[in-house]
Amino acid sequence: MNSWINLDAVWKIVVVGLLTGAGLPALFALGLRLLNPTGAAGEPAAVRPAAGPVGSTLAGLIFAVVLAAIGWGISVIVGHR
């Protein structure tokens, strides 16, 4: 460990940043994708199949995880004094 750079803290910050900076938007996009499955190529959006009960349930769970992470982040920021 260098006296100027705490490498242990740096890798923790990088991991958390990647998870929250890229992971949560990726989860959100996956939830949206589960709600709107694709149809055949060139098919209008009105003809695409609706999400089934499994897709809707998984999307709801994913959105709940994203909302919980956002709430946790806000509580951490507000709770620090």
PDB file of N, CA and C in Angstrom:
ATOM      1  N   MET A   1       0.842  -1.185   0.000  1.00  0.00           N
ATOM      2  CA  MET A   1       0.000   0.000   0.000  1.00  0.00           C
ATOM      3  C   MET A   1       0.879   1.237   0.000  1.00  0.00           C
ATOM      4  N   ASN A   2       0.544   2.160  -0.842  1.00  0.00           N
ATOM      5  CA  ASN A   2       1.240   3.425  -0.935  1.00  0.00           C
ATOM      6  C   ASN A   2       0.697   4.371   0.134  1.00  0.00           C
ATOM      7  N   SER A   3       1.549   5.268   0.626  1.00  0.00           N
ATOM      8  CA  SER A   3       1.074   6.202   1.651  1.00  0.00           C
ATOM      9  C   SER A   3       0.136   7.262   1.068  1.00  0.00           C
ATOM     10  N   TRP A   4       0.185   7.456  -0.234  1.00  0.00           N
ATOM     11  CA  TRP A   4      -0.676   8.445  -0.873  1.00  0.00           C
ATOM     12  C   TRP A   4      -1.984   7.849  -1.367  1.00  0.00           C
ATOM     13  N   ILE A   5      -1.958   6.582  -1.762  1.00  0.00           N
ATOM     14  CA  ILE A   5      -3.131   5.951  -2.352  1.00  0.00           C
ATOM     15  C   ILE A   5      -3.482   4.696  -1.556  1.00  0.00           C
ATOM     16  N   ASN A   6      -4.687   4.636  -1.078  1.00  0.00           N
ATOM     17  CA  ASN A   6      -5.169   3.459  -0.369  1.00  0.00           C
ATOM     18  C   ASN A   6      -5.831   2.541  -1.403  1.00  0.00           C
ATOM     19  N   LEU A   7      -5.081   1.552  -1.886  1.00  0.00           N
ATOM     20  CA  LEU A   7      -5.583   0.687  -2.957  1.00  0.00           C
ATOM     21  C   LEU A   7      -6.779  -0.146  -2.519  1.00  0.00           C
ATOM     22  N   ASP A   8      -6.854  -0.493  -1.252  1.00  0.00           N
ATOM     23  CA  ASP A   8      -7.998  -1.258  -0.754  1.00  0.00           C
ATOM     24  C   ASP A   8      -9.283  -0.446  -0.912  1.00  0.00           C
ATOM     25  N   ALA A   9      -9.218   0.832  -0.580  1.00  0.00           N
ATOM     26  CA  ALA A   9     -10.393   1.704  -0.726  1.00  0.00           C
ATOM     27  C   ALA A   9     -10.705   1.963  -2.192  1.00  0.00           C
ATOM     28  N   VAL A  10      -9.671   2.081  -3.015  1.00  0.00           N
ATOM     29  CA  VAL A  10      -9.886   2.381  -4.425  1.00  0.00           C
ATOM     30  C   VAL A  10     -10.645   1.258  -5.120  1.00  0.00           C
ATOM     31  N   TRP A  11     -10.274  -0.005  -4.891  1.00  0.00           N
ATOM     32  CA  TRP A  11     -10.977  -1.087  -5.583  1.00  0.00           C
ATOM     33  C   TRP A  11     -12.405  -1.213  -5.081  1.00  0.00           C
ATOM     34  N   LYS A  12     -12.649  -0.916  -3.795  1.00  0.00           N
ATOM     35  CA  LYS A  12     -14.026  -0.948  -3.284  1.00  0.00           C
ATOM     36  C   LYS A  12     -14.873   0.139  -3.952  1.00  0.00           C
ATOM     37  N   ILE A  13     -14.305   1.306  -4.115  1.00  0.00           N
ATOM     38  CA  ILE A  13     -15.024   2.396  -4.764  1.00  0.00           C
ATOM     39  C   ILE A  13     -15.315   2.059  -6.220  1.00  0.00           C
ATOM     40  N   VAL A  14     -14.355   1.459  -6.899  1.00  0.00           N
ATOM     41  CA  VAL A  14     -14.549   1.084  -8.299  1.00  0.00           C
ATOM     42  C   VAL A  14     -15.655   0.039  -8.433  1.00  0.00           C
ATOM     43  N   VAL A  15     -15.658  -0.968  -7.567  1.00  0.00           N
ATOM     44  CA  VAL A  15     -16.680  -2.020  -7.636  1.00  0.00           C
ATOM     45  C   VAL A  15     -18.067  -1.449  -7.367  1.00  0.00           C
ATOM     46  N   VAL A  16     -18.206  -0.651  -6.333  1.00  0.00           N
ATOM     47  CA  VAL A  16     -19.512  -0.060  -6.021  1.00  0.00           C
ATOM     48  C   VAL A  16     -19.943   0.886  -7.136  1.00  0.00           C
ATOM     49  N   GLY A  17     -19.012   1.638  -7.686  1.00  0.00           N
ATOM     50  CA  GLY A  17     -19.340   2.535  -8.782  1.00  0.00           C
ATOM     51  C   GLY A  17     -19.813   1.794 -10.016  1.00  0.00           C
ATOM     52  N   LEU A  18     -19.164   0.672 -10.326  1.00  0.00           N
ATOM     53  CA  LEU A  18     -19.605  -0.116 -11.478  1.00  0.00           C
ATOM     54  C   LEU A  18     -20.976  -0.732 -11.241  1.00  0.00           C
ATOM     55  N   LEU A  19     -21.196  -1.228 -10.031  1.00  0.00           N
ATOM     56  CA  LEU A  19     -22.495  -1.840  -9.737  1.00  0.00           C
ATOM     57  C   LEU A  19     -23.624  -0.825  -9.803  1.00  0.00           C
ATOM     58  N   THR A  20     -23.421   0.328  -9.214  1.00  0.00           N
ATOM     59  CA  THR A  20     -24.497   1.318  -9.190  1.00  0.00           C
ATOM     60  C   THR A  20     -24.530   2.154 -10.460  1.00  0.00           C
ATOM     61  N   GLY A  21     -23.383   2.408 -11.053  1.00  0.00           N
ATOM     62  CA  GLY A  21     -23.334   3.245 -12.235  1.00  0.00           C
ATOM     63  C   GLY A  21     -23.735   2.524 -13.506  1.00  0.00           C
ATOM     64  N   ALA A  22     -23.440   1.243 -13.588  1.00  0.00           N
ATOM     65  CA  ALA A  22     -23.781   0.467 -14.783  1.00  0.00           C
ATOM     66  C   ALA A  22     -24.757  -0.654 -14.473  1.00  0.00           C
ATOM     67  N   GLY A  23     -24.682  -1.194 -13.282  1.00  0.00           N
ATOM     68  CA  GLY A  23     -25.514  -2.344 -12.933  1.00  0.00           C
ATOM     69  C   GLY A  23     -26.990  -2.011 -12.775  1.00  0.00           C
ATOM     70  N   LEU A  24     -27.293  -0.935 -12.068  1.00  0.00           N
ATOM     71  CA  LEU A  24     -28.702  -0.581 -11.864  1.00  0.00           C
ATOM     72  C   LEU A  24     -29.394  -0.165 -13.168  1.00  0.00           C
ATOM     73  N   PRO A  25     -28.774   0.646 -14.009  1.00  0.00           N
ATOM     74  CA  PRO A  25     -29.413   0.924 -15.297  1.00  0.00           C
ATOM     75  C   PRO A  25     -29.566  -0.320 -16.164  1.00  0.00           C
ATOM     76  N   ALA A  26     -28.608  -1.236 -16.088  1.00  0.00           N
ATOM     77  CA  ALA A  26     -28.724  -2.483 -16.853  1.00  0.00           C
ATOM     78  C   ALA A  26     -29.882  -3.333 -16.328  1.00  0.00           C
ATOM     79  N   LEU A  27     -30.049  -3.385 -15.013  1.00  0.00           N
ATOM     80  CA  LEU A  27     -31.193  -4.111 -14.445  1.00  0.00           C
ATOM     81  C   LEU A  27     -32.508  -3.470 -14.863  1.00  0.00           C
ATOM     82  N   PHE A  28     -32.559  -2.148 -14.832  1.00  0.00           N
ATOM     83  CA  PHE A  28     -33.766  -1.439 -15.249  1.00  0.00           C
ATOM     84  C   PHE A  28     -34.097  -1.748 -16.706  1.00  0.00           C
ATOM     85  N   ALA A  29     -33.079  -1.740 -17.556  1.00  0.00           N
ATOM     86  CA  ALA A  29     -33.289  -2.054 -18.971  1.00  0.00           C
ATOM     87  C   ALA A  29     -33.772  -3.489 -19.143  1.00  0.00           C
ATOM     88  N   LEU A  30     -33.245  -4.405 -18.352  1.00  0.00           N
ATOM     89  CA  LEU A  30     -33.702  -5.794 -18.412  1.00  0.00           C
ATOM     90  C   LEU A  30     -35.174  -5.890 -18.006  1.00  0.00           C
ATOM     91  N   GLY A  31     -35.575  -5.140 -16.980  1.00  0.00           N
ATOM     92  CA  GLY A  31     -36.975  -5.128 -16.576  1.00  0.00           C
ATOM     93  C   GLY A  31     -37.884  -4.599 -17.667  1.00  0.00           C
ATOM     94  N   LEU A  32     -37.446  -3.541 -18.341  1.00  0.00           N
ATOM     95  CA  LEU A  32     -38.239  -3.013 -19.451  1.00  0.00           C
ATOM     96  C   LEU A  32     -38.323  -4.022 -20.594  1.00  0.00           C
ATOM     97  N   ARG A  33     -37.228  -4.709 -20.838  1.00  0.00           N
ATOM     98  CA  ARG A  33     -37.201  -5.706 -21.915  1.00  0.00           C
ATOM     99  C   ARG A  33     -38.149  -6.869 -21.597  1.00  0.00           C
ATOM    100  N   LEU A  34     -38.229  -7.248 -20.321  1.00  0.00           N
ATOM    101  CA  LEU A  34     -39.144  -8.320 -19.937  1.00  0.00           C
ATOM    102  C   LEU A  34     -40.601  -7.904 -20.096  1.00  0.00           C
ATOM    103  N   LEU A  35     -40.881  -6.617 -19.929  1.00  0.00           N
ATOM    104  CA  LEU A  35     -42.252  -6.132 -20.087  1.00  0.00           C
ATOM    105  C   LEU A  35     -42.664  -5.997 -21.545  1.00  0.00           C
ATOM    106  N   ASN A  36     -41.688  -5.842 -22.443  1.00  0.00           N
ATOM    107  CA  ASN A  36     -41.986  -5.630 -23.850  1.00  0.00           C
ATOM    108  C   ASN A  36     -41.176  -6.606 -24.700  1.00  0.00           C
ATOM    109  N   PRO A  37     -41.605  -7.862 -24.778  1.00  0.00           N
ATOM    110  CA  PRO A  37     -40.845  -8.826 -25.582  1.00  0.00           C
ATOM    111  C   PRO A  37     -40.899  -8.455 -27.059  1.00  0.00           C
ATOM    112  N   THR A  38     -39.887  -8.872 -27.787  1.00  0.00           N
ATOM    113  CA  THR A  38     -39.825  -8.538 -29.215  1.00  0.00           C
ATOM    114  C   THR A  38     -40.634  -9.532 -30.031  1.00  0.00           C
ATOM    115  N   GLY A  39     -41.130  -9.048 -31.123  1.00  0.00           N
ATOM    116  CA  GLY A  39     -41.838  -9.905 -32.072  1.00  0.00           C
ATOM    117  C   GLY A  39     -40.935 -10.204 -33.252  1.00  0.00           C
ATOM    118  N   ALA A  40     -41.522 -10.541 -34.363  1.00  0.00           N
ATOM    119  CA  ALA A  40     -40.751 -10.800 -35.575  1.00  0.00           C
ATOM    120  C   ALA A  40     -40.171  -9.491 -36.105  1.00  0.00           C
ATOM    121  N   ALA A  41     -39.114  -9.598 -36.867  1.00  0.00           N
ATOM    122  CA  ALA A  41     -38.455  -8.411 -37.413  1.00  0.00           C
ATOM    123  C   ALA A  41     -39.410  -7.661 -38.335  1.00  0.00           C
ATOM    124  N   GLY A  42     -39.481  -6.358 -38.180  1.00  0.00           N
ATOM    125  CA  GLY A  42     -40.330  -5.532 -39.024  1.00  0.00           C
ATOM    126  C   GLY A  42     -41.784  -5.517 -38.593  1.00  0.00           C
ATOM    127  N   GLU A  43     -42.104  -6.174 -37.511  1.00  0.00           N
ATOM    128  CA  GLU A  43     -43.485  -6.244 -37.034  1.00  0.00           C
ATOM    129  C   GLU A  43     -43.816  -4.960 -36.275  1.00  0.00           C
ATOM    130  N   PRO A  44     -44.991  -4.375 -36.513  1.00  0.00           N
ATOM    131  CA  PRO A  44     -45.351  -3.161 -35.773  1.00  0.00           C
ATOM    132  C   PRO A  44     -45.495  -3.448 -34.273  1.00  0.00           C
ATOM    133  N   ALA A  45     -45.313  -2.407 -33.472  1.00  0.00           N
ATOM    134  CA  ALA A  45     -45.354  -2.573 -32.018  1.00  0.00           C
ATOM    135  C   ALA A  45     -46.719  -3.049 -31.538  1.00  0.00           C
ATOM    136  N   ALA A  46     -47.795  -2.697 -32.238  1.00  0.00           N
ATOM    137  CA  ALA A  46     -49.137  -3.087 -31.808  1.00  0.00           C
ATOM    138  C   ALA A  46     -49.371  -4.587 -31.953  1.00  0.00           C
ATOM    139  N   VAL A  47     -48.575  -5.267 -32.773  1.00  0.00           N
ATOM    140  CA  VAL A  47     -48.767  -6.694 -33.017  1.00  0.00           C
ATOM    141  C   VAL A  47     -47.886  -7.546 -32.105  1.00  0.00           C
ATOM    142  N   ARG A  48     -46.941  -6.925 -31.423  1.00  0.00           N
ATOM    143  CA  ARG A  48     -46.032  -7.676 -30.561  1.00  0.00           C
ATOM    144  C   ARG A  48     -46.807  -8.330 -29.424  1.00  0.00           C
ATOM    145  N   PRO A  49     -46.314  -9.478 -28.949  1.00  0.00           N
ATOM    146  CA  PRO A  49     -47.001 -10.141 -27.834  1.00  0.00           C
ATOM    147  C   PRO A  49     -46.812  -9.366 -26.530  1.00  0.00           C
ATOM    148  N   ALA A  50     -47.805  -9.456 -25.672  1.00  0.00           N
ATOM    149  CA  ALA A  50     -47.712  -8.820 -24.359  1.00  0.00           C
ATOM    150  C   ALA A  50     -46.855  -9.690 -23.446  1.00  0.00           C
ATOM    151  N   ALA A  51     -46.327  -9.083 -22.409  1.00  0.00           N
ATOM    152  CA  ALA A  51     -45.528  -9.834 -21.448  1.00  0.00           C
ATOM    153  C   ALA A  51     -46.418 -10.832 -20.716  1.00  0.00           C
ATOM    154  N   GLY A  52     -45.923 -12.026 -20.549  1.00  0.00           N
ATOM    155  CA  GLY A  52     -46.665 -13.043 -19.823  1.00  0.00           C
ATOM    156  C   GLY A  52     -46.558 -12.822 -18.325  1.00  0.00           C
ATOM    157  N   PRO A  53     -47.190 -13.689 -17.547  1.00  0.00           N
ATOM    158  CA  PRO A  53     -47.147 -13.513 -16.095  1.00  0.00           C
ATOM    159  C   PRO A  53     -45.743 -13.676 -15.517  1.00  0.00           C
ATOM    160  N   VAL A  54     -44.936 -14.547 -16.109  1.00  0.00           N
ATOM    161  CA  VAL A  54     -43.565 -14.722 -15.608  1.00  0.00           C
ATOM    162  C   VAL A  54     -42.737 -13.475 -15.893  1.00  0.00           C
ATOM    163  N   GLY A  55     -42.862 -12.936 -17.112  1.00  0.00           N
ATOM    164  CA  GLY A  55     -42.123 -11.723 -17.460  1.00  0.00           C
ATOM    165  C   GLY A  55     -42.538 -10.536 -16.607  1.00  0.00           C
ATOM    166  N   SER A  56     -43.830 -10.406 -16.362  1.00  0.00           N
ATOM    167  CA  SER A  56     -44.312  -9.298 -15.529  1.00  0.00           C
ATOM    168  C   SER A  56     -43.832  -9.433 -14.090  1.00  0.00           C
ATOM    169  N   THR A  57     -43.838 -10.655 -13.583  1.00  0.00           N
ATOM    170  CA  THR A  57     -43.386 -10.884 -12.207  1.00  0.00           C
ATOM    171  C   THR A  57     -41.894 -10.598 -12.073  1.00  0.00           C
ATOM    172  N   LEU A  58     -41.110 -11.111 -13.009  1.00  0.00           N
ATOM    173  CA  LEU A  58     -39.665 -10.855 -12.965  1.00  0.00           C
ATOM    174  C   LEU A  58     -39.361  -9.374 -13.121  1.00  0.00           C
ATOM    175  N   ALA A  59     -40.080  -8.703 -14.016  1.00  0.00           N
ATOM    176  CA  ALA A  59     -39.872  -7.267 -14.193  1.00  0.00           C
ATOM    177  C   ALA A  59     -40.217  -6.515 -12.906  1.00  0.00           C
ATOM    178  N   GLY A  60     -41.295  -6.902 -12.251  1.00  0.00           N
ATOM    179  CA  GLY A  60     -41.667  -6.267 -10.985  1.00  0.00           C
ATOM    180  C   GLY A  60     -40.611  -6.468  -9.913  1.00  0.00           C
ATOM    181  N   LEU A  61     -40.044  -7.665  -9.839  1.00  0.00           N
ATOM    182  CA  LEU A  61     -38.978  -7.931  -8.864  1.00  0.00           C
ATOM    183  C   LEU A  61     -37.735  -7.099  -9.174  1.00  0.00           C
ATOM    184  N   ILE A  62     -37.400  -6.998 -10.447  1.00  0.00           N
ATOM    185  CA  ILE A  62     -36.230  -6.207 -10.840  1.00  0.00           C
ATOM    186  C   ILE A  62     -36.445  -4.737 -10.504  1.00  0.00           C
ATOM    187  N   PHE A  63     -37.639  -4.212 -10.804  1.00  0.00           N
ATOM    188  CA  PHE A  63     -37.928  -2.816 -10.481  1.00  0.00           C
ATOM    189  C   PHE A  63     -37.901  -2.587  -8.971  1.00  0.00           C
ATOM    190  N   ALA A  64     -38.343  -3.576  -8.183  1.00  0.00           N
ATOM    191  CA  ALA A  64     -38.302  -3.453  -6.726  1.00  0.00           C
ATOM    192  C   ALA A  64     -36.857  -3.395  -6.228  1.00  0.00           C
ATOM    193  N   VAL A  65     -35.981  -4.195  -6.828  1.00  0.00           N
ATOM    194  CA  VAL A  65     -34.561  -4.171  -6.446  1.00  0.00           C
ATOM    195  C   VAL A  65     -33.947  -2.812  -6.779  1.00  0.00           C
ATOM    196  N   VAL A  66     -34.266  -2.286  -7.955  1.00  0.00           N
ATOM    197  CA  VAL A  66     -33.731  -0.980  -8.359  1.00  0.00           C
ATOM    198  C   VAL A  66     -34.239   0.109  -7.417  1.00  0.00           C
ATOM    199  N   LEU A  67     -35.529   0.086  -7.094  1.00  0.00           N
ATOM    200  CA  LEU A  67     -36.077   1.088  -6.172  1.00  0.00           C
ATOM    201  C   LEU A  67     -35.485   0.954  -4.778  1.00  0.00           C
ATOM    202  N   ALA A  68     -35.261  -0.269  -4.320  1.00  0.00           N
ATOM    203  CA  ALA A  68     -34.651  -0.480  -3.008  1.00  0.00           C
ATOM    204  C   ALA A  68     -33.223   0.064  -2.983  1.00  0.00           C
ATOM    205  N   ALA A  69     -32.479  -0.150  -4.056  1.00  0.00           N
ATOM    206  CA  ALA A  69     -31.110   0.366  -4.127  1.00  0.00           C
ATOM    207  C   ALA A  69     -31.102   1.893  -4.125  1.00  0.00           C
ATOM    208  N   ILE A  70     -32.036   2.492  -4.837  1.00  0.00           N
ATOM    209  CA  ILE A  70     -32.129   3.950  -4.858  1.00  0.00           C
ATOM    210  C   ILE A  70     -32.493   4.473  -3.470  1.00  0.00           C
ATOM    211  N   GLY A  71     -33.462   3.834  -2.821  1.00  0.00           N
ATOM    212  CA  GLY A  71     -33.853   4.239  -1.470  1.00  0.00           C
ATOM    213  C   GLY A  71     -32.724   4.086  -0.471  1.00  0.00           C
ATOM    214  N   TRP A  72     -31.982   2.981  -0.587  1.00  0.00           N
ATOM    215  CA  TRP A  72     -30.840   2.760   0.302  1.00  0.00           C
ATOM    216  C   TRP A  72     -29.793   3.849   0.087  1.00  0.00           C
ATOM    217  N   GLY A  73     -29.509   4.178  -1.169  1.00  0.00           N
ATOM    218  CA  GLY A  73     -28.523   5.212  -1.459  1.00  0.00           C
ATOM    219  C   GLY A  73     -28.927   6.562  -0.904  1.00  0.00           C
ATOM    220  N   ILE A  74     -30.201   6.892  -1.045  1.00  0.00           N
ATOM    221  CA  ILE A  74     -30.679   8.167  -0.497  1.00  0.00           C
ATOM    222  C   ILE A  74     -30.579   8.170   1.021  1.00  0.00           C
ATOM    223  N   SER A  75     -30.927   7.053   1.662  1.00  0.00           N
ATOM    224  CA  SER A  75     -30.858   6.994   3.129  1.00  0.00           C
ATOM    225  C   SER A  75     -29.419   7.083   3.618  1.00  0.00           C
ATOM    226  N   VAL A  76     -28.477   6.513   2.882  1.00  0.00           N
ATOM    227  CA  VAL A  76     -27.068   6.622   3.270  1.00  0.00           C
ATOM    228  C   VAL A  76     -26.604   8.058   3.159  1.00  0.00           C
ATOM    229  N   ILE A  77     -26.988   8.737   2.079  1.00  0.00           N
ATOM    230  CA  ILE A  77     -26.568  10.119   1.882  1.00  0.00           C
ATOM    231  C   ILE A  77     -27.189  11.036   2.941  1.00  0.00           C
ATOM    232  N   VAL A  78     -28.475  10.857   3.205  1.00  0.00           N
ATOM    233  CA  VAL A  78     -29.168  11.721   4.158  1.00  0.00           C
ATOM    234  C   VAL A  78     -28.755  11.391   5.592  1.00  0.00           C
ATOM    235  N   GLY A  79     -28.462  10.115   5.864  1.00  0.00           N
ATOM    236  CA  GLY A  79     -28.138   9.704   7.233  1.00  0.00           C
ATOM    237  C   GLY A  79     -26.760  10.104   7.710  1.00  0.00           C
ATOM    238  N   HIS A  80     -25.838  10.439   6.819  1.00  0.00           N
ATOM    239  CA  HIS A  80     -24.490  10.843   7.238  1.00  0.00           C
ATOM    240  C   HIS A  80     -24.511  12.265   7.765  1.00  0.00           C
ATOM    241  N   ARG A  81     -23.850  12.441   8.880  1.00  0.00           N
ATOM    242  CA  ARG A  81     -23.794  13.792   9.469  1.00  0.00           C
ATOM    243  C   ARG A  81     -22.376  14.223   9.615  1.00  0.00           C
TER     244      ARG A  81
END
